[in-house]
Amino acid sequence: MKRTGIIFIIYAFTILNCKAQPNGSFENWTTVFSIPEPDGWQTPNFLSLLSPPNPLSAFKVTGLDVHSGNYALKLKTVYLNNKPPQLLVNDSSGGTYIGKIVFSPLSSTQGFPYTERPEKLQFWARYIPVGNDIGKAGVLLKKWNISDFDTIAYSLIEIPPTPVYTLFEVDINYFSSEAPDSAVIAFATSKNAGTSRVNSTLYLDDIQFSNAVGIAEGLTEYRTSAYPNPATDNVTIYAENKDADNVQLVDINDKLAGVYKLQNNYSKINTSLFASGTYIYTIRDNKERNLFKGQFKVVK
């Protein structure tokens, strides 16, 4: 039997009915049939409920396997020895997408309501492939047109071997000037049938959109921004969250650049002594728990 990576339009019975359940930092999980699942995301783990069962391919991880916060998502390519014939699931599978399967009545949602036109999809990932396997990430922005969805934007990138957490950016390619009404984000541990290998492993954390004017929208109900972007002497961080207490800055190499207090949701930071480059900011509460992330650039 052929071994291929999980496809993005995963199930033949999919109903494209978007529901807002984003969880880009993978901090929120719910146990479904004794299996921990990341809120708002669907994985092939439900196939382990078949008889005989298939192996699990998605896992809740913590500790050194996390980029920030308490938890991250680990995905692994597994061989499916039992799959229902009505499902378009490949023999080897490992991946996730924003959405959720409902078992009664049987249906699936893919995506969440989204009306912005971001410039990029950003995420932190580690990828440990077997052999010449290649991971992938994709984003689709779409709009319902009475009878079907129009594609507003679509992008797909490969994820090469990456032994430590690295920031990836997906440049979003637009095919329409309209605003979308929903977005689908998906990841796979194996991109191609010819290179797919069991046990290729992908770790994911801190997924968010960013747009051309520097406003980063994490996959939460809150917003954060950094301006001006790029910055020279000063940057102001704004966080729309009643629990936001401080901002932690790191450079692109994850080296700490400082921790700054938020006052009335704002923090003005002197960047005159910062080296040119990209900086990641994390909004935290007063117990140093991560709420969401963004980034800005410093140019001299």
C-alpha atoms as a PDB file:
ATOM      1  CA  MET A   1       0.000   0.000   0.000  1.00  0.00           C
ATOM      2  CA  LYS A   2       1.254   3.459  -0.792  1.00  0.00           C
ATOM      3  CA  ARG A   3       2.338   5.808   1.969  1.00  0.00           C
ATOM      4  CA  THR A   4       1.375   9.421   1.525  1.00  0.00           C
ATOM      5  CA  GLY A   5       1.135  12.468   3.797  1.00  0.00           C
ATOM      6  CA  ILE A   6      -2.201  13.673   5.102  1.00  0.00           C
ATOM      7  CA  ILE A   7      -4.078  15.831   2.580  1.00  0.00           C
ATOM      8  CA  PHE A   8      -5.543  19.178   3.536  1.00  0.00           C
ATOM      9  CA  ILE A   9      -9.105  18.467   2.408  1.00  0.00           C
ATOM     10  CA  ILE A  10      -9.036  15.371   4.533  1.00  0.00           C
ATOM     11  CA  TYR A  11     -12.439  13.736   4.637  1.00  0.00           C
ATOM     12  CA  ALA A  12     -14.955  12.997   1.887  1.00  0.00           C
ATOM     13  CA  PHE A  13     -17.886  13.949   4.131  1.00  0.00           C
ATOM     14  CA  THR A  14     -16.455  17.369   5.006  1.00  0.00           C
ATOM     15  CA  ILE A  15     -19.033  20.156   5.356  1.00  0.00           C
ATOM     16  CA  LEU A  16     -17.380  23.560   5.103  1.00  0.00           C
ATOM     17  CA  ASN A  17     -19.211  25.147   8.017  1.00  0.00           C
ATOM     18  CA  CYS A  18     -16.743  27.423   9.803  1.00  0.00           C
ATOM     19  CA  LYS A  19     -16.823  27.779  13.551  1.00  0.00           C
ATOM     20  CA  ALA A  20     -14.479  29.979  15.590  1.00  0.00           C
ATOM     21  CA  GLN A  21     -12.387  27.710  17.798  1.00  0.00           C
ATOM     22  CA  PRO A  22      -8.802  28.877  17.202  1.00  0.00           C
ATOM     23  CA  ASN A  23      -6.096  27.873  19.668  1.00  0.00           C
ATOM     24  CA  GLY A  24      -2.799  28.901  18.060  1.00  0.00           C
ATOM     25  CA  SER A  25      -0.655  28.418  21.174  1.00  0.00           C
ATOM     26  CA  PHE A  26      -2.065  24.923  21.908  1.00  0.00           C
ATOM     27  CA  GLU A  27      -2.611  25.870  25.540  1.00  0.00           C
ATOM     28  CA  ASN A  28      -6.200  24.543  25.572  1.00  0.00           C
ATOM     29  CA  TRP A  29      -6.991  20.835  25.290  1.00  0.00           C
ATOM     30  CA  THR A  30     -10.083  18.679  25.736  1.00  0.00           C
ATOM     31  CA  THR A  31     -10.158  14.924  26.288  1.00  0.00           C
ATOM     32  CA  VAL A  32     -12.331  13.218  23.655  1.00  0.00           C
ATOM     33  CA  PHE A  33     -12.893   9.469  24.038  1.00  0.00           C
ATOM     34  CA  SER A  34      -9.938   9.418  26.504  1.00  0.00           C
ATOM     35  CA  ILE A  35      -7.648  11.116  23.930  1.00  0.00           C
ATOM     36  CA  PRO A  36      -6.354  14.682  24.559  1.00  0.00           C
ATOM     37  CA  GLU A  37      -7.157  16.874  21.535  1.00  0.00           C
ATOM     38  CA  PRO A  38      -6.155  20.535  20.996  1.00  0.00           C
ATOM     39  CA  ASP A  39      -9.234  22.751  21.135  1.00  0.00           C
ATOM     40  CA  GLY A  40     -10.254  24.009  17.704  1.00  0.00           C
ATOM     41  CA  TRP A  41      -7.969  21.613  15.800  1.00  0.00           C
ATOM     42  CA  GLN A  42      -8.714  18.221  14.263  1.00  0.00           C
ATOM     43  CA  THR A  43      -6.194  15.378  14.097  1.00  0.00           C
ATOM     44  CA  PRO A  44      -6.458  11.790  12.765  1.00  0.00           C
ATOM     45  CA  ASN A  45      -6.471  10.452  16.341  1.00  0.00           C
ATOM     46  CA  PHE A  46     -10.153   9.518  16.030  1.00  0.00           C
ATOM     47  CA  LEU A  47      -9.023   6.679  13.722  1.00  0.00           C
ATOM     48  CA  SER A  48      -7.539   5.003  16.808  1.00  0.00           C
ATOM     49  CA  LEU A  49     -11.124   4.276  17.902  1.00  0.00           C
ATOM     50  CA  LEU A  50     -11.587   1.742  15.097  1.00  0.00           C
ATOM     51  CA  SER A  51     -11.351  -1.981  15.707  1.00  0.00           C
ATOM     52  CA  PRO A  52      -8.607  -3.004  15.352  1.00  0.00           C
ATOM     53  CA  PRO A  53      -7.275   0.420  16.399  1.00  0.00           C
ATOM     54  CA  ASN A  54      -4.842   2.590  14.484  1.00  0.00           C
ATOM     55  CA  PRO A  55      -1.899   4.212  16.304  1.00  0.00           C
ATOM     56  CA  LEU A  56      -2.177   7.768  17.627  1.00  0.00           C
ATOM     57  CA  SER A  57      -0.470  10.454  15.538  1.00  0.00           C
ATOM     58  CA  ALA A  58      -1.016  13.662  17.592  1.00  0.00           C
ATOM     59  CA  PHE A  59       0.148  14.280  21.151  1.00  0.00           C
ATOM     60  CA  LYS A  60       0.018  16.940  23.879  1.00  0.00           C
ATOM     61  CA  VAL A  61       3.597  17.742  24.937  1.00  0.00           C
ATOM     62  CA  THR A  62       5.172  19.954  27.571  1.00  0.00           C
ATOM     63  CA  GLY A  63       8.591  20.781  29.036  1.00  0.00           C
ATOM     64  CA  LEU A  64      11.484  20.962  26.565  1.00  0.00           C
ATOM     65  CA  ASP A  65       9.160  20.129  23.663  1.00  0.00           C
ATOM     66  CA  VAL A  66       7.375  23.506  24.028  1.00  0.00           C
ATOM     67  CA  HIS A  67       8.449  26.785  22.423  1.00  0.00           C
ATOM     68  CA  SER A  68       6.513  28.935  24.915  1.00  0.00           C
ATOM     69  CA  GLY A  69       3.696  28.525  27.407  1.00  0.00           C
ATOM     70  CA  ASN A  70       2.803  25.178  28.930  1.00  0.00           C
ATOM     71  CA  TYR A  71       1.950  22.973  25.957  1.00  0.00           C
ATOM     72  CA  ALA A  72       2.650  22.353  22.280  1.00  0.00           C
ATOM     73  CA  LEU A  73       1.388  19.919  19.632  1.00  0.00           C
ATOM     74  CA  LYS A  74       3.472  16.953  18.462  1.00  0.00           C
ATOM     75  CA  LEU A  75       2.497  15.258  15.188  1.00  0.00           C
ATOM     76  CA  LYS A  76       3.910  12.002  13.877  1.00  0.00           C
ATOM     77  CA  THR A  77       3.493  10.094  10.625  1.00  0.00           C
ATOM     78  CA  VAL A  78       1.960   6.697  11.418  1.00  0.00           C
ATOM     79  CA  TYR A  79       0.932   3.763   9.248  1.00  0.00           C
ATOM     80  CA  LEU A  80      -2.827   3.210   9.180  1.00  0.00           C
ATOM     81  CA  ASN A  81      -3.618  -0.500   9.068  1.00  0.00           C
ATOM     82  CA  ASN A  82      -7.362   0.091   9.318  1.00  0.00           C
ATOM     83  CA  LYS A  83      -9.237   2.922   7.648  1.00  0.00           C
ATOM     84  CA  PRO A  84     -12.913   3.171   6.697  1.00  0.00           C
ATOM     85  CA  PRO A  85     -13.361   3.052   2.906  1.00  0.00           C
ATOM     86  CA  GLN A  86     -15.614   6.146   2.922  1.00  0.00           C
ATOM     87  CA  LEU A  87     -12.797   8.396   4.237  1.00  0.00           C
ATOM     88  CA  LEU A  88     -10.153   9.973   2.028  1.00  0.00           C
ATOM     89  CA  VAL A  89      -7.340   9.277   4.483  1.00  0.00           C
ATOM     90  CA  ASN A  90      -3.947   8.152   3.230  1.00  0.00           C
ATOM     91  CA  ASP A  91      -2.225   4.949   4.297  1.00  0.00           C
ATOM     92  CA  SER A  92       0.335   6.937   6.230  1.00  0.00           C
ATOM     93  CA  SER A  93      -1.046   9.911   8.069  1.00  0.00           C
ATOM     94  CA  GLY A  94       0.091  12.702  10.360  1.00  0.00           C
ATOM     95  CA  GLY A  95      -1.240  16.230  10.484  1.00  0.00           C
ATOM     96  CA  THR A  96      -3.800  18.677  11.772  1.00  0.00           C
ATOM     97  CA  TYR A  97      -6.111  21.437  10.574  1.00  0.00           C
ATOM     98  CA  ILE A  98      -8.269  24.062  12.244  1.00  0.00           C
ATOM     99  CA  GLY A  99     -11.694  22.490  12.495  1.00  0.00           C
ATOM    100  CA  LYS A 100     -13.522  19.659  14.205  1.00  0.00           C
ATOM    101  CA  ILE A 101     -15.283  16.405  13.389  1.00  0.00           C
ATOM    102  CA  VAL A 102     -18.778  15.880  14.764  1.00  0.00           C
ATOM    103  CA  PHE A 103     -19.742  12.219  15.010  1.00  0.00           C
ATOM    104  CA  SER A 104     -23.519  12.520  15.343  1.00  0.00           C
ATOM    105  CA  PRO A 105     -24.631  13.422  12.755  1.00  0.00           C
ATOM    106  CA  LEU A 106     -21.360  12.810  10.919  1.00  0.00           C
ATOM    107  CA  SER A 107     -19.870  16.053   9.617  1.00  0.00           C
ATOM    108  CA  SER A 108     -16.709  18.119   9.767  1.00  0.00           C
ATOM    109  CA  THR A 109     -15.888  21.812  10.014  1.00  0.00           C
ATOM    110  CA  GLN A 110     -12.767  23.255   8.444  1.00  0.00           C
ATOM    111  CA  GLY A 111     -11.650  26.756   9.321  1.00  0.00           C
ATOM    112  CA  PHE A 112     -12.783  29.640  11.496  1.00  0.00           C
ATOM    113  CA  PRO A 113     -14.398  33.037  10.814  1.00  0.00           C
ATOM    114  CA  TYR A 114     -11.743  35.494   9.679  1.00  0.00           C
ATOM    115  CA  THR A 115     -12.108  38.779   7.757  1.00  0.00           C
ATOM    116  CA  GLU A 116      -8.600  40.260   7.672  1.00  0.00           C
ATOM    117  CA  ARG A 117      -6.068  40.231   4.808  1.00  0.00           C
ATOM    118  CA  PRO A 118      -2.822  39.230   6.555  1.00  0.00           C
ATOM    119  CA  GLU A 119       0.571  39.329   4.939  1.00  0.00           C
ATOM    120  CA  LYS A 120       1.921  36.156   6.518  1.00  0.00           C
ATOM    121  CA  LEU A 121       1.148  33.106   8.580  1.00  0.00           C
ATOM    122  CA  GLN A 122       3.802  32.700  11.273  1.00  0.00           C
ATOM    123  CA  PHE A 123       4.488  29.634  13.378  1.00  0.00           C
ATOM    124  CA  TRP A 124       7.266  28.041  15.429  1.00  0.00           C
ATOM    125  CA  ALA A 125       8.193  24.471  14.544  1.00  0.00           C
ATOM    126  CA  ARG A 126      10.672  21.636  14.984  1.00  0.00           C
ATOM    127  CA  TYR A 127      10.747  18.940  12.320  1.00  0.00           C
ATOM    128  CA  ILE A 128      12.635  15.662  12.630  1.00  0.00           C
ATOM    129  CA  PRO A 129      12.024  13.661   9.440  1.00  0.00           C
ATOM    130  CA  VAL A 130      12.873  10.065   8.689  1.00  0.00           C
ATOM    131  CA  GLY A 131      14.898   9.669   5.510  1.00  0.00           C
ATOM    132  CA  ASN A 132      14.132  12.370   2.933  1.00  0.00           C
ATOM    133  CA  ASP A 133      10.660  13.131   4.241  1.00  0.00           C
ATOM    134  CA  ILE A 134       9.390  16.730   4.032  1.00  0.00           C
ATOM    135  CA  GLY A 135       6.744  18.446   6.159  1.00  0.00           C
ATOM    136  CA  LYS A 136       4.326  21.087   4.922  1.00  0.00           C
ATOM    137  CA  ALA A 137       2.143  23.960   6.074  1.00  0.00           C
ATOM    138  CA  GLY A 138      -0.716  25.593   4.223  1.00  0.00           C
ATOM    139  CA  VAL A 139      -3.206  28.419   4.635  1.00  0.00           C
ATOM    140  CA  LEU A 140      -6.431  29.076   2.715  1.00  0.00           C
ATOM    141  CA  LEU A 141      -8.529  32.252   2.931  1.00  0.00           C
ATOM    142  CA  LYS A 142     -11.969  31.892   1.396  1.00  0.00           C
ATOM    143  CA  LYS A 143     -15.369  33.549   1.017  1.00  0.00           C
ATOM    144  CA  TRP A 144     -18.815  32.025   0.601  1.00  0.00           C
ATOM    145  CA  ASN A 145     -20.564  33.136  -2.601  1.00  0.00           C
ATOM    146  CA  ILE A 146     -24.087  31.681  -2.049  1.00  0.00           C
ATOM    147  CA  SER A 147     -23.352  28.258  -3.536  1.00  0.00           C
ATOM    148  CA  ASP A 148     -19.635  27.638  -2.959  1.00  0.00           C
ATOM    149  CA  PHE A 149     -16.436  29.120  -1.576  1.00  0.00           C
ATOM    150  CA  ASP A 150     -14.208  31.469  -3.590  1.00  0.00           C
ATOM    151  CA  THR A 151     -10.472  31.266  -2.934  1.00  0.00           C
ATOM    152  CA  ILE A 152      -9.239  34.665  -1.744  1.00  0.00           C
ATOM    153  CA  ALA A 153      -5.689  33.535  -0.966  1.00  0.00           C
ATOM    154  CA  TYR A 154      -3.745  30.298  -0.767  1.00  0.00           C
ATOM    155  CA  SER A 155      -0.155  29.423   0.168  1.00  0.00           C
ATOM    156  CA  LEU A 156       1.790  26.253   0.836  1.00  0.00           C
ATOM    157  CA  ILE A 157       5.368  25.821   2.080  1.00  0.00           C
ATOM    158  CA  GLU A 158       7.677  22.916   2.794  1.00  0.00           C
ATOM    159  CA  ILE A 159       9.121  22.370   6.271  1.00  0.00           C
ATOM    160  CA  PRO A 160      12.708  21.075   6.031  1.00  0.00           C
ATOM    161  CA  PRO A 161      14.621  19.261   8.790  1.00  0.00           C
ATOM    162  CA  THR A 162      14.694  21.647  11.765  1.00  0.00           C
ATOM    163  CA  PRO A 163      16.187  20.176  14.987  1.00  0.00           C
ATOM    164  CA  VAL A 164      15.355  23.206  17.184  1.00  0.00           C
ATOM    165  CA  TYR A 165      12.308  25.464  17.287  1.00  0.00           C
ATOM    166  CA  THR A 166      12.487  27.914  14.382  1.00  0.00           C
ATOM    167  CA  LEU A 167      10.180  30.723  13.276  1.00  0.00           C
ATOM    168  CA  PHE A 168       8.568  29.957   9.895  1.00  0.00           C
ATOM    169  CA  GLU A 169       6.722  32.512   7.783  1.00  0.00           C
ATOM    170  CA  VAL A 170       4.254  31.692   5.018  1.00  0.00           C
ATOM    171  CA  ASP A 171       3.856  34.569   2.554  1.00  0.00           C
ATOM    172  CA  ILE A 172       0.168  34.645   1.665  1.00  0.00           C
ATOM    173  CA  ASN A 173      -0.603  34.809  -2.069  1.00  0.00           C
ATOM    174  CA  TYR A 174      -3.807  36.679  -2.920  1.00  0.00           C
ATOM    175  CA  PHE A 175      -6.001  35.921  -5.939  1.00  0.00           C
ATOM    176  CA  SER A 176      -8.786  38.386  -5.151  1.00  0.00           C
ATOM    177  CA  SER A 177      -9.103  41.921  -3.793  1.00  0.00           C
ATOM    178  CA  GLU A 178     -12.049  40.906  -1.588  1.00  0.00           C
ATOM    179  CA  ALA A 179     -11.884  40.287   2.140  1.00  0.00           C
ATOM    180  CA  PRO A 180     -12.287  36.637   3.202  1.00  0.00           C
ATOM    181  CA  ASP A 181     -14.925  35.416   5.622  1.00  0.00           C
ATOM    182  CA  SER A 182     -12.986  32.397   6.905  1.00  0.00           C
ATOM    183  CA  ALA A 183      -9.519  30.827   7.093  1.00  0.00           C
ATOM    184  CA  VAL A 184      -8.175  27.280   7.099  1.00  0.00           C
ATOM    185  CA  ILE A 185      -4.701  26.441   8.450  1.00  0.00           C
ATOM    186  CA  ALA A 186      -3.231  22.952   8.074  1.00  0.00           C
ATOM    187  CA  PHE A 187       0.017  21.098   8.733  1.00  0.00           C
ATOM    188  CA  ALA A 188       1.308  17.689   7.647  1.00  0.00           C
ATOM    189  CA  THR A 189       4.255  15.601   8.779  1.00  0.00           C
ATOM    190  CA  SER A 190       4.775  14.140   5.288  1.00  0.00           C
ATOM    191  CA  LYS A 191       4.232  16.108   2.101  1.00  0.00           C
ATOM    192  CA  ASN A 192       4.812  13.615  -0.710  1.00  0.00           C
ATOM    193  CA  ALA A 193       3.847   9.995  -1.308  1.00  0.00           C
ATOM    194  CA  GLY A 194       7.329   9.178  -2.543  1.00  0.00           C
ATOM    195  CA  THR A 195       9.182  10.449   0.532  1.00  0.00           C
ATOM    196  CA  SER A 196       6.638   9.794   3.315  1.00  0.00           C
ATOM    197  CA  ARG A 197       8.149   7.815   6.191  1.00  0.00           C
ATOM    198  CA  VAL A 198       6.654   6.510   9.411  1.00  0.00           C
ATOM    199  CA  ASN A 199       7.851   8.366  12.566  1.00  0.00           C
ATOM    200  CA  SER A 200       8.633  11.683  10.860  1.00  0.00           C
ATOM    201  CA  THR A 201       7.800  14.124  13.669  1.00  0.00           C
ATOM    202  CA  LEU A 202       6.642  17.745  13.684  1.00  0.00           C
ATOM    203  CA  TYR A 203       6.318  19.977  16.783  1.00  0.00           C
ATOM    204  CA  LEU A 204       4.116  23.105  16.482  1.00  0.00           C
ATOM    205  CA  ASP A 205       3.580  26.138  18.720  1.00  0.00           C
ATOM    206  CA  ASP A 206       2.592  29.834  18.612  1.00  0.00           C
ATOM    207  CA  ILE A 207       0.709  30.083  15.325  1.00  0.00           C
ATOM    208  CA  GLN A 208      -0.552  33.514  14.251  1.00  0.00           C
ATOM    209  CA  PHE A 209      -1.285  35.799  11.320  1.00  0.00           C
ATOM    210  CA  SER A 210       0.547  39.092  10.762  1.00  0.00           C
ATOM    211  CA  ASN A 211      -0.268  41.823   8.282  1.00  0.00           C
ATOM    212  CA  ALA A 212       1.667  44.395   6.305  1.00  0.00           C
ATOM    213  CA  VAL A 213       1.311  47.192   8.861  1.00  0.00           C
ATOM    214  CA  GLY A 214       2.659  45.140  11.714  1.00  0.00           C
ATOM    215  CA  ILE A 215      -0.512  44.148  13.561  1.00  0.00           C
ATOM    216  CA  ALA A 216      -0.167  40.562  14.678  1.00  0.00           C
ATOM    217  CA  GLU A 217      -3.377  38.669  15.239  1.00  0.00           C
ATOM    218  CA  GLY A 218      -2.875  35.521  17.244  1.00  0.00           C
ATOM    219  CA  LEU A 219      -5.480  32.806  16.969  1.00  0.00           C
ATOM    220  CA  THR A 220      -7.357  34.073  20.014  1.00  0.00           C
ATOM    221  CA  GLU A 221     -10.177  36.542  20.627  1.00  0.00           C
ATOM    222  CA  TYR A 222      -7.619  39.210  21.595  1.00  0.00           C
ATOM    223  CA  ARG A 223      -5.502  41.587  19.531  1.00  0.00           C
ATOM    224  CA  THR A 224      -1.995  42.876  19.925  1.00  0.00           C
ATOM    225  CA  SER A 225       0.068  45.314  17.890  1.00  0.00           C
ATOM    226  CA  ALA A 226       3.528  46.814  17.653  1.00  0.00           C
ATOM    227  CA  TYR A 227       4.104  50.230  16.054  1.00  0.00           C
ATOM    228  CA  PRO A 228       5.859  51.756  14.296  1.00  0.00           C
ATOM    229  CA  ASN A 229       6.965  48.653  12.456  1.00  0.00           C
ATOM    230  CA  PRO A 230       9.748  48.680  11.516  1.00  0.00           C
ATOM    231  CA  ALA A 231      11.005  50.660  14.510  1.00  0.00           C
ATOM    232  CA  THR A 232      14.176  52.712  14.933  1.00  0.00           C
ATOM    233  CA  ASP A 233      14.373  54.386  18.357  1.00  0.00           C
ATOM    234  CA  ASN A 234      11.088  53.329  19.973  1.00  0.00           C
ATOM    235  CA  VAL A 235       8.328  50.782  19.599  1.00  0.00           C
ATOM    236  CA  THR A 236       4.960  50.735  21.364  1.00  0.00           C
ATOM    237  CA  ILE A 237       3.360  47.393  22.224  1.00  0.00           C
ATOM    238  CA  TYR A 238      -0.410  47.291  22.671  1.00  0.00           C
ATOM    239  CA  ALA A 239      -2.352  44.341  24.124  1.00  0.00           C
ATOM    240  CA  GLU A 240      -6.148  44.158  24.191  1.00  0.00           C
ATOM    241  CA  ASN A 241      -6.507  41.830  27.174  1.00  0.00           C
ATOM    242  CA  LYS A 242      -7.498  42.612  30.754  1.00  0.00           C
ATOM    243  CA  ASP A 243      -4.970  40.042  32.059  1.00  0.00           C
ATOM    244  CA  ALA A 244      -2.000  41.468  30.132  1.00  0.00           C
ATOM    245  CA  ASP A 245       0.691  42.563  32.592  1.00  0.00           C
ATOM    246  CA  ASN A 246       4.078  42.656  30.843  1.00  0.00           C
ATOM    247  CA  VAL A 247       5.920  42.123  27.566  1.00  0.00           C
ATOM    248  CA  GLN A 248       8.898  39.788  27.125  1.00  0.00           C
ATOM    249  CA  LEU A 249      11.159  40.482  24.136  1.00  0.00           C
ATOM    250  CA  VAL A 250      13.520  37.999  22.486  1.00  0.00           C
ATOM    251  CA  ASP A 251      15.509  38.304  19.278  1.00  0.00           C
ATOM    252  CA  ILE A 252      15.220  35.883  16.376  1.00  0.00           C
ATOM    253  CA  ASN A 253      17.757  33.587  18.080  1.00  0.00           C
ATOM    254  CA  ASP A 254      15.551  33.417  21.216  1.00  0.00           C
ATOM    255  CA  LYS A 255      17.974  35.595  23.230  1.00  0.00           C
ATOM    256  CA  LEU A 256      16.199  37.691  25.881  1.00  0.00           C
ATOM    257  CA  ALA A 257      16.132  41.412  25.030  1.00  0.00           C
ATOM    258  CA  GLY A 258      14.117  42.580  28.043  1.00  0.00           C
ATOM    259  CA  VAL A 259      10.880  42.441  30.033  1.00  0.00           C
ATOM    260  CA  TYR A 260       8.679  45.562  30.136  1.00  0.00           C
ATOM    261  CA  LYS A 261       5.606  46.452  32.158  1.00  0.00           C
ATOM    262  CA  LEU A 262       2.299  47.297  30.454  1.00  0.00           C
ATOM    263  CA  GLN A 263       0.462  50.416  31.615  1.00  0.00           C
ATOM    264  CA  ASN A 264      -3.157  50.784  30.472  1.00  0.00           C
ATOM    265  CA  ASN A 265      -2.507  48.089  27.838  1.00  0.00           C
ATOM    266  CA  TYR A 266       0.560  49.909  26.416  1.00  0.00           C
ATOM    267  CA  SER A 267       4.328  49.676  26.785  1.00  0.00           C
ATOM    268  CA  LYS A 268       6.691  52.113  25.032  1.00  0.00           C
ATOM    269  CA  ILE A 269      10.131  50.513  24.615  1.00  0.00           C
ATOM    270  CA  ASN A 270      13.382  52.283  23.763  1.00  0.00           C
ATOM    271  CA  THR A 271      14.964  50.361  20.879  1.00  0.00           C
ATOM    272  CA  SER A 272      17.782  52.808  20.137  1.00  0.00           C
ATOM    273  CA  LEU A 273      20.389  50.334  21.441  1.00  0.00           C
ATOM    274  CA  PHE A 274      18.805  47.263  19.859  1.00  0.00           C
ATOM    275  CA  ALA A 275      20.601  45.599  16.958  1.00  0.00           C
ATOM    276  CA  SER A 276      18.779  45.569  13.636  1.00  0.00           C
ATOM    277  CA  GLY A 277      16.635  42.491  13.146  1.00  0.00           C
ATOM    278  CA  THR A 278      13.380  40.781  14.054  1.00  0.00           C
ATOM    279  CA  TYR A 279      12.141  40.677  17.648  1.00  0.00           C
ATOM    280  CA  ILE A 280       9.417  38.426  19.057  1.00  0.00           C
ATOM    281  CA  TYR A 281       7.280  39.850  21.844  1.00  0.00           C
ATOM    282  CA  THR A 282       5.209  37.742  24.237  1.00  0.00           C
ATOM    283  CA  ILE A 283       2.339  39.272  26.187  1.00  0.00           C
ATOM    284  CA  ARG A 284       2.200  37.707  29.676  1.00  0.00           C
ATOM    285  CA  ASP A 285      -0.020  37.943  32.737  1.00  0.00           C
ATOM    286  CA  ASN A 286       1.185  38.752  36.270  1.00  0.00           C
ATOM    287  CA  LYS A 287       2.033  35.079  36.844  1.00  0.00           C
ATOM    288  CA  GLU A 288       4.268  35.079  33.737  1.00  0.00           C
ATOM    289  CA  ARG A 289       1.878  32.891  31.788  1.00  0.00           C
ATOM    290  CA  ASN A 290       2.000  33.517  28.044  1.00  0.00           C
ATOM    291  CA  LEU A 291      -1.148  35.003  26.498  1.00  0.00           C
ATOM    292  CA  PHE A 292      -0.156  35.627  22.888  1.00  0.00           C
ATOM    293  CA  LYS A 293       2.722  36.691  20.638  1.00  0.00           C
ATOM    294  CA  GLY A 294       3.677  39.085  17.896  1.00  0.00           C
ATOM    295  CA  GLN A 295       6.787  40.437  16.219  1.00  0.00           C
ATOM    296  CA  PHE A 296       8.341  43.633  14.906  1.00  0.00           C
ATOM    297  CA  LYS A 297      11.546  44.668  13.174  1.00  0.00           C
ATOM    298  CA  VAL A 298      14.227  47.129  14.182  1.00  0.00           C
ATOM    299  CA  VAL A 299      16.125  48.932  11.394  1.00  0.00           C
ATOM    300  CA  LYS A 300      18.988  51.380  11.776  1.00  0.00           C
END
